[in-house]
Amino acid sequence: MTGGTINRSGNRSGNSSGSSSGDGAAAPAVFTRAVLELNAEAECQRICAAIRATVFDRFRRKGAIVALSGGIDSSTVGALCVRALGPERVHGLSLPERDSSPGTPSLSRGVAEHFGIAISEEVITPVLEAAGCYERRDEAIRQVLPDYGPGWKSKIVLPSVVASDRLRIYSVIAEDPDGERHEARLSQPAYLGILAATNFKQRVRKMFEYHWADRLHYAVAGTPNLLEYDQGFYVKLGDGAADLKPIAHLYKTQVYNMARHLGLPEEVTNSVPTTDTYSLPQGQDEFYFALPYDQMDLLLHAFNHDVKAAEAGAPLGLSEEQVNWVYKDIQAKRRTTKPLHLAALKVEEIDGVGEKY
């Protein structure tokens, strides 16, 4: 596959966009979207071999559990598991809750039917209500929008990173029962309160995934792509937890290419990525990433390969200054989300603590 080497310290590694000419002089190369091209069949075979080795040899399980949201990532992971293990060894889960898009369950079932796998539905709303997920979230929103209450819908958003170099602070957008929209900048306590409450959703879903994995003696297949994995767009012990992550090395653009190669339905391969977490429709770019995924993929690849900002911005119509803002955002996300990648440490593994008695 085509991809960059990721250094979790936030530094870039690898080669620049230049290439070597026959006489040994550096020949300039134009940085284009072609850097994300993928030999889908060769990569599919490699991933499937890894899935089989992980499920059967490393974990000694009989098959794989895949939580299907109907989105591109989970659908592609499901398709890869089917190709690697056979449909009889893959079990899908649909895990909707009251804020999920109304079409999510049918999309999940449609993907399962397309590949001939069994699927079970677990509505997680009662568990979330019992944990106080919605109540805790609403209390946090009321810190900045006191009138927020029953019948309202909401989402949280970030300003575009390429609009200016000012500090980016989350805001909440809420829609009242009459359809009127209200927006308020979030204080840190309000933001953290909303985030902590909504993270119940990913963690409850994972609880059900492992319930089914234990019940069937299967392994859990995670669904983050490289962009999400690298930039920390997942919940620790939630959607970040898995026994294997088959597409965590693929840029989102490459996941779409793989999905088309595997014959996923057009309603999946033509879909726009969403979080499907908040009650108002919310794109991943407005919630977390600096730009839409196809642009963010290209700039992350450029960052990983030491491509100068002016060269990286050309295919996207972005200035050198704007690309540098994105590069800084990439570094900041790697730095702040590093704890998501860390396993629990024993005392003797922590630098500076010293030897035990």
Protein backbone atom coordinates (compact mmCIF):
# COMPACT_ATOMS: atom_id res chain seq x y z
CA MET A 1 0.00 0.00 0.00
CA THR A 2 0.98 3.66 -0.27
CA GLY A 3 1.28 5.32 3.09
CA GLY A 4 3.53 7.18 5.49
CA THR A 5 5.42 6.06 8.52
CA ILE A 6 3.87 7.54 11.64
CA ASN A 7 6.01 8.59 14.56
CA ARG A 8 3.82 8.87 17.66
CA SER A 9 6.05 11.61 19.03
CA GLY A 10 4.57 13.85 16.35
CA ASN A 11 7.64 13.94 14.12
CA ARG A 12 7.56 13.07 10.46
CA SER A 13 9.62 10.32 8.89
CA GLY A 14 10.17 9.04 5.40
CA ASN A 15 11.07 10.69 2.12
CA SER A 16 9.94 13.96 0.60
CA SER A 17 7.95 14.23 -2.58
CA GLY A 18 11.09 14.46 -4.70
CA SER A 19 12.43 11.52 -6.72
CA SER A 20 15.84 10.59 -8.07
CA SER A 21 16.71 11.04 -11.75
CA GLY A 22 19.00 8.79 -13.75
CA ASP A 23 22.08 11.03 -13.33
CA GLY A 24 21.72 11.11 -9.55
CA ALA A 25 20.30 14.63 -9.39
CA ALA A 26 17.07 15.25 -7.53
CA ALA A 27 14.20 15.49 -9.97
CA PRO A 28 11.20 17.51 -8.83
CA ALA A 29 7.95 15.61 -8.47
CA VAL A 30 4.53 17.20 -8.33
CA PHE A 31 2.60 16.28 -5.19
CA THR A 32 -0.85 15.02 -6.25
CA ARG A 33 -3.68 12.85 -4.99
CA ALA A 34 -1.99 9.93 -6.76
CA VAL A 35 0.09 9.35 -3.61
CA LEU A 36 -3.01 7.75 -2.08
CA GLU A 37 -3.56 5.28 -4.91
CA LEU A 38 -3.87 1.71 -3.71
CA ASN A 39 -3.44 -1.73 -5.27
CA ALA A 40 -6.71 -2.81 -3.71
CA GLU A 41 -6.51 -6.51 -4.54
CA ALA A 42 -2.95 -6.95 -3.30
CA GLU A 43 -3.74 -5.02 -0.11
CA CYS A 44 -6.96 -6.97 0.37
CA GLN A 45 -5.05 -10.25 0.24
CA ARG A 46 -2.49 -8.95 2.74
CA ILE A 47 -5.19 -7.75 5.17
CA CYS A 48 -7.15 -11.00 4.89
CA ALA A 49 -4.04 -13.05 5.65
CA ALA A 50 -3.49 -10.89 8.74
CA ILE A 51 -7.12 -11.33 9.85
CA ARG A 52 -6.86 -15.12 9.59
CA ALA A 53 -3.55 -15.20 11.46
CA THR A 54 -4.89 -12.95 14.21
CA VAL A 55 -8.27 -14.62 14.71
CA PHE A 56 -7.23 -18.26 14.35
CA ASP A 57 -3.59 -18.37 15.46
CA ARG A 58 -3.01 -15.49 17.85
CA PHE A 59 -6.39 -15.33 19.60
CA ARG A 60 -7.51 -18.88 18.78
CA ARG A 61 -11.06 -17.73 18.12
CA LYS A 62 -13.65 -19.13 15.72
CA GLY A 63 -14.61 -15.92 13.90
CA ALA A 64 -15.02 -12.15 14.13
CA ILE A 65 -17.54 -9.70 15.58
CA VAL A 66 -18.05 -6.48 13.60
CA ALA A 67 -20.28 -3.64 14.83
CA LEU A 68 -21.97 -2.38 11.65
CA SER A 69 -23.12 1.23 11.60
CA GLY A 70 -23.76 1.25 7.86
CA GLY A 71 -20.79 3.61 7.42
CA ILE A 72 -17.82 3.11 5.16
CA ASP A 73 -15.32 1.94 7.79
CA SER A 74 -17.37 -0.70 9.58
CA SER A 75 -18.81 -1.96 6.29
CA THR A 76 -15.34 -2.35 4.79
CA VAL A 77 -14.06 -4.16 7.88
CA GLY A 78 -17.08 -6.46 7.68
CA ALA A 79 -16.42 -7.18 4.01
CA LEU A 80 -12.74 -7.91 4.66
CA CYS A 81 -13.62 -10.29 7.50
CA VAL A 82 -16.10 -12.10 5.26
CA ARG A 83 -13.48 -12.52 2.56
CA ALA A 84 -10.87 -13.67 5.09
CA LEU A 85 -13.00 -15.99 7.22
CA GLY A 86 -16.15 -16.74 5.26
CA PRO A 87 -19.65 -15.37 6.02
CA GLU A 88 -20.42 -18.18 8.45
CA ARG A 89 -17.61 -16.97 10.73
CA VAL A 90 -18.57 -13.28 10.83
CA HIS A 91 -21.32 -11.90 13.07
CA GLY A 92 -22.56 -8.34 12.68
CA LEU A 93 -24.03 -6.15 15.38
CA SER A 94 -26.38 -3.19 15.01
CA LEU A 95 -26.17 -0.98 18.11
CA PRO A 96 -28.49 2.01 17.67
CA GLU A 97 -29.61 4.46 20.35
CA ARG A 98 -32.12 7.28 20.42
CA ASP A 99 -29.77 9.85 18.84
CA SER A 100 -28.73 7.57 15.99
CA SER A 101 -29.77 8.45 12.46
CA PRO A 102 -33.13 6.79 11.68
CA GLY A 103 -31.52 5.00 8.74
CA THR A 104 -28.67 3.44 10.72
CA PRO A 105 -30.36 0.09 11.58
CA SER A 106 -31.56 -0.50 8.02
CA LEU A 107 -28.14 0.35 6.59
CA SER A 108 -26.52 -2.08 9.01
CA ARG A 109 -28.93 -4.86 8.08
CA GLY A 110 -28.47 -4.08 4.39
CA VAL A 111 -24.69 -4.51 4.61
CA ALA A 112 -25.11 -7.78 6.53
CA GLU A 113 -27.60 -9.10 3.97
CA HIS A 114 -25.32 -8.02 1.10
CA PHE A 115 -22.55 -10.28 2.39
CA GLY A 116 -24.77 -13.00 3.80
CA ILE A 117 -23.76 -12.71 7.44
CA ALA A 118 -25.85 -13.02 10.58
CA ILE A 119 -26.62 -9.77 12.40
CA SER A 120 -28.10 -9.07 15.82
CA GLU A 121 -29.55 -5.78 17.02
CA GLU A 122 -29.01 -4.43 20.52
CA VAL A 123 -30.76 -1.11 21.21
CA ILE A 124 -28.48 0.54 23.76
CA THR A 125 -30.80 3.41 24.77
CA PRO A 126 -31.98 1.77 28.04
CA VAL A 127 -28.39 1.20 29.19
CA LEU A 128 -27.48 4.80 28.37
CA GLU A 129 -30.53 6.12 30.19
CA ALA A 130 -29.67 4.04 33.25
CA ALA A 131 -26.11 5.43 33.22
CA GLY A 132 -27.43 9.00 32.96
CA CYS A 133 -25.81 9.60 29.56
CA TYR A 134 -28.49 11.94 28.17
CA GLU A 135 -29.20 13.66 31.51
CA ARG A 136 -25.51 14.37 32.15
CA ARG A 137 -25.09 15.70 28.59
CA ASP A 138 -28.12 17.99 28.87
CA GLU A 139 -26.91 19.36 32.20
CA ALA A 140 -23.58 20.23 30.60
CA ILE A 141 -25.27 21.98 27.66
CA ARG A 142 -27.42 24.01 30.05
CA GLN A 143 -24.24 25.57 31.43
CA VAL A 144 -24.13 27.68 28.25
CA LEU A 145 -27.74 27.34 26.97
CA PRO A 146 -29.96 27.45 30.08
CA ASP A 147 -33.19 26.82 28.13
CA TYR A 148 -31.99 23.50 26.66
CA GLY A 149 -34.41 20.74 27.55
CA PRO A 150 -36.80 18.04 26.31
CA GLY A 151 -37.45 18.10 22.57
CA TRP A 152 -34.20 19.91 21.77
CA LYS A 153 -31.47 18.51 19.54
CA SER A 154 -27.79 19.40 19.51
CA LYS A 155 -24.26 18.86 18.24
CA ILE A 156 -20.87 20.36 18.99
CA VAL A 157 -18.67 21.91 16.31
CA LEU A 158 -15.20 23.37 15.75
CA PRO A 159 -14.31 26.31 13.47
CA SER A 160 -12.34 25.47 10.32
CA VAL A 161 -8.59 25.29 10.86
CA VAL A 162 -7.89 26.97 7.51
CA ALA A 163 -10.08 30.01 8.22
CA SER A 164 -7.56 31.63 10.56
CA ASP A 165 -4.81 30.84 13.03
CA ARG A 166 -6.94 31.83 16.02
CA LEU A 167 -7.53 29.42 18.86
CA ARG A 168 -10.22 26.92 17.90
CA ILE A 169 -12.84 26.49 20.61
CA TYR A 170 -15.86 24.19 20.51
CA SER A 171 -19.38 25.58 20.29
CA VAL A 172 -22.71 23.86 20.79
CA ILE A 173 -25.42 24.24 18.15
CA ALA A 174 -28.88 23.44 19.49
CA GLU A 175 -32.28 23.30 17.80
CA ASP A 176 -35.36 23.97 19.92
CA PRO A 177 -38.71 22.17 19.40
CA ASP A 178 -39.86 25.01 17.08
CA GLY A 179 -36.87 24.47 14.78
CA GLU A 180 -35.01 27.63 15.79
CA ARG A 181 -31.24 27.21 16.13
CA HIS A 182 -29.11 28.56 18.95
CA GLU A 183 -25.33 28.60 19.21
CA ALA A 184 -23.07 29.17 22.22
CA ARG A 185 -19.36 28.90 22.81
CA LEU A 186 -18.53 26.09 25.22
CA SER A 187 -16.63 26.63 28.43
CA GLN A 188 -14.13 23.92 29.28
CA PRO A 189 -16.36 22.37 31.99
CA ALA A 190 -19.33 22.31 29.60
CA TYR A 191 -17.30 20.80 26.77
CA LEU A 192 -15.76 18.13 28.99
CA GLY A 193 -19.16 17.35 30.48
CA ILE A 194 -20.70 16.80 27.05
CA LEU A 195 -17.74 14.73 25.89
CA ALA A 196 -17.67 12.55 29.00
CA ALA A 197 -21.41 11.88 28.76
CA THR A 198 -21.45 11.04 25.04
CA ASN A 199 -18.46 8.72 25.45
CA PHE A 200 -20.84 6.39 27.28
CA LYS A 201 -22.21 5.52 23.84
CA GLN A 202 -18.97 4.11 22.43
CA ARG A 203 -18.15 2.29 25.64
CA VAL A 204 -21.58 0.66 25.93
CA ARG A 205 -21.38 -0.45 22.30
CA LYS A 206 -18.02 -2.06 22.98
CA MET A 207 -19.44 -3.82 26.02
CA PHE A 208 -22.02 -5.49 23.77
CA GLU A 209 -19.39 -6.35 21.16
CA TYR A 210 -17.37 -8.23 23.74
CA HIS A 211 -20.50 -9.86 25.13
CA TRP A 212 -21.16 -11.34 21.71
CA ALA A 213 -17.48 -12.17 21.23
CA ASP A 214 -17.50 -14.13 24.51
CA ARG A 215 -20.79 -15.79 23.64
CA LEU A 216 -19.61 -16.97 20.20
CA HIS A 217 -15.91 -17.37 21.03
CA TYR A 218 -15.06 -14.76 18.41
CA ALA A 219 -12.55 -11.90 18.22
CA VAL A 220 -13.64 -8.24 18.00
CA ALA A 221 -12.67 -6.41 14.81
CA GLY A 222 -12.18 -2.67 15.29
CA THR A 223 -13.04 -0.16 12.59
CA PRO A 224 -10.80 2.96 12.84
CA ASN A 225 -8.97 4.04 9.69
CA LEU A 226 -5.50 5.61 9.69
CA LEU A 227 -6.80 9.18 9.86
CA GLU A 228 -8.87 8.40 12.95
CA TYR A 229 -6.21 6.21 14.56
CA ASP A 230 -3.39 8.70 14.02
CA GLN A 231 -5.35 11.75 15.11
CA GLY A 232 -7.02 10.16 18.12
CA PHE A 233 -10.58 10.25 16.83
CA TYR A 234 -11.89 7.47 19.03
CA VAL A 235 -12.82 6.75 22.64
CA LYS A 236 -10.41 4.83 24.83
CA LEU A 237 -12.02 1.55 25.92
CA GLY A 238 -14.83 2.43 23.51
CA ASP A 239 -14.49 2.29 19.73
CA GLY A 240 -10.72 2.26 20.28
CA ALA A 241 -10.87 -1.20 21.90
CA ALA A 242 -10.54 -4.27 19.68
CA ASP A 243 -8.60 -7.49 19.17
CA LEU A 244 -7.59 -6.49 15.65
CA LYS A 245 -7.84 -3.30 13.57
CA PRO A 246 -7.77 -4.33 9.89
CA ILE A 247 -7.88 -0.84 8.32
CA ALA A 248 -5.98 1.27 10.87
CA HIS A 249 -3.13 1.61 8.34
CA LEU A 250 -5.37 2.83 5.48
CA TYR A 251 -6.18 6.46 4.81
CA LYS A 252 -9.92 7.12 4.59
CA THR A 253 -9.58 7.67 0.83
CA GLN A 254 -8.04 4.21 0.55
CA VAL A 255 -10.86 2.72 2.62
CA TYR A 256 -13.36 4.06 0.07
CA ASN A 257 -11.28 2.52 -2.72
CA MET A 258 -11.17 -0.80 -0.88
CA ALA A 259 -14.93 -0.69 -0.30
CA ARG A 260 -15.59 -0.26 -4.02
CA HIS A 261 -13.17 -3.07 -4.83
CA LEU A 262 -15.01 -5.37 -2.40
CA GLY A 263 -18.36 -4.56 -4.01
CA LEU A 264 -20.07 -2.73 -1.17
CA PRO A 265 -23.45 -1.13 -2.01
CA GLU A 266 -23.37 2.36 -3.53
CA GLU A 267 -25.33 3.81 -0.61
CA VAL A 268 -22.29 2.95 1.49
CA THR A 269 -19.50 3.84 -0.96
CA ASN A 270 -21.16 7.19 -1.78
CA SER A 271 -21.87 8.10 1.84
CA VAL A 272 -20.43 11.14 3.63
CA PRO A 273 -18.72 10.31 6.95
CA THR A 274 -20.72 11.33 10.03
CA THR A 275 -20.27 10.77 13.75
CA ASP A 276 -23.84 9.42 14.28
CA THR A 277 -23.39 10.40 17.93
CA TYR A 278 -25.30 13.65 18.37
CA SER A 279 -29.00 14.26 17.79
CA LEU A 280 -28.34 16.82 15.03
CA PRO A 281 -26.57 15.59 11.88
CA GLN A 282 -22.85 16.10 12.29
CA GLY A 283 -19.94 15.62 9.89
CA GLN A 284 -16.60 14.35 11.16
CA ASP A 285 -14.86 17.43 9.76
CA GLU A 286 -17.03 19.90 11.70
CA PHE A 287 -16.64 17.94 14.93
CA TYR A 288 -12.97 16.98 14.93
CA PHE A 289 -10.89 17.11 11.76
CA ALA A 290 -9.49 20.25 10.24
CA LEU A 291 -10.90 19.54 6.77
CA PRO A 292 -13.08 17.01 4.90
CA TYR A 293 -11.46 13.56 4.91
CA ASP A 294 -10.18 13.61 1.31
CA GLN A 295 -8.25 16.83 1.95
CA MET A 296 -7.17 15.78 5.42
CA ASP A 297 -5.84 12.46 4.08
CA LEU A 298 -3.66 14.22 1.55
CA LEU A 299 -2.24 16.67 4.07
CA LEU A 300 -1.59 13.95 6.65
CA HIS A 301 0.28 11.98 3.96
CA ALA A 302 2.22 15.12 3.07
CA PHE A 303 3.07 15.75 6.71
CA ASN A 304 4.24 12.15 7.16
CA HIS A 305 6.52 12.46 4.13
CA ASP A 306 8.07 15.88 4.81
CA VAL A 307 6.32 17.56 1.90
CA LYS A 308 6.67 21.33 2.08
CA ALA A 309 3.48 23.20 2.88
CA ALA A 310 3.46 25.11 -0.41
CA GLU A 311 3.66 21.86 -2.42
CA ALA A 312 1.07 20.07 -0.29
CA GLY A 313 -1.46 22.86 -0.62
CA ALA A 314 -1.33 23.12 -4.40
CA PRO A 315 -3.67 20.18 -5.21
CA LEU A 316 -6.20 21.53 -2.70
CA GLY A 317 -6.03 25.22 -3.51
CA LEU A 318 -4.70 26.01 -0.04
CA SER A 319 -1.98 28.53 0.73
CA GLU A 320 1.30 27.66 2.39
CA GLU A 321 0.09 29.43 5.53
CA GLN A 322 -3.15 27.43 5.64
CA VAL A 323 -1.31 24.12 5.23
CA ASN A 324 1.05 25.08 8.05
CA TRP A 325 -2.00 25.62 10.26
CA VAL A 326 -3.15 22.10 9.41
CA TYR A 327 0.32 20.69 10.08
CA LYS A 328 0.28 22.33 13.51
CA ASP A 329 -3.17 20.86 14.17
CA ILE A 330 -1.89 17.38 13.24
CA GLN A 331 0.98 17.74 15.69
CA ALA A 332 -1.30 19.05 18.43
CA LYS A 333 -3.76 16.17 18.06
CA ARG A 334 -0.95 13.62 18.18
CA ARG A 335 0.39 15.22 21.32
CA THR A 336 -2.90 15.58 23.18
CA THR A 337 -4.29 12.15 22.22
CA LYS A 338 -1.12 10.18 22.91
CA PRO A 339 -2.66 8.67 26.10
CA LEU A 340 -5.26 6.91 23.94
CA HIS A 341 -2.50 4.73 22.49
CA LEU A 342 -0.90 3.83 25.81
CA ALA A 343 -1.53 0.54 27.55
CA ALA A 344 -1.77 0.45 31.32
CA LEU A 345 1.75 0.58 32.73
CA LYS A 346 3.21 -1.36 35.62
CA VAL A 347 5.37 0.59 38.05
CA GLU A 348 8.62 -0.96 36.83
CA GLU A 349 7.81 0.11 33.27
CA ILE A 350 7.63 3.80 34.14
CA ASP A 351 10.83 5.76 33.52
CA GLY A 352 12.39 7.47 36.50
CA VAL A 353 10.63 5.45 39.20
CA GLY A 354 13.67 3.28 39.91
CA GLU A 355 14.14 -0.37 40.73
CA LYS A 356 11.80 -2.17 43.06
CA TYR A 357 13.08 -3.42 46.41
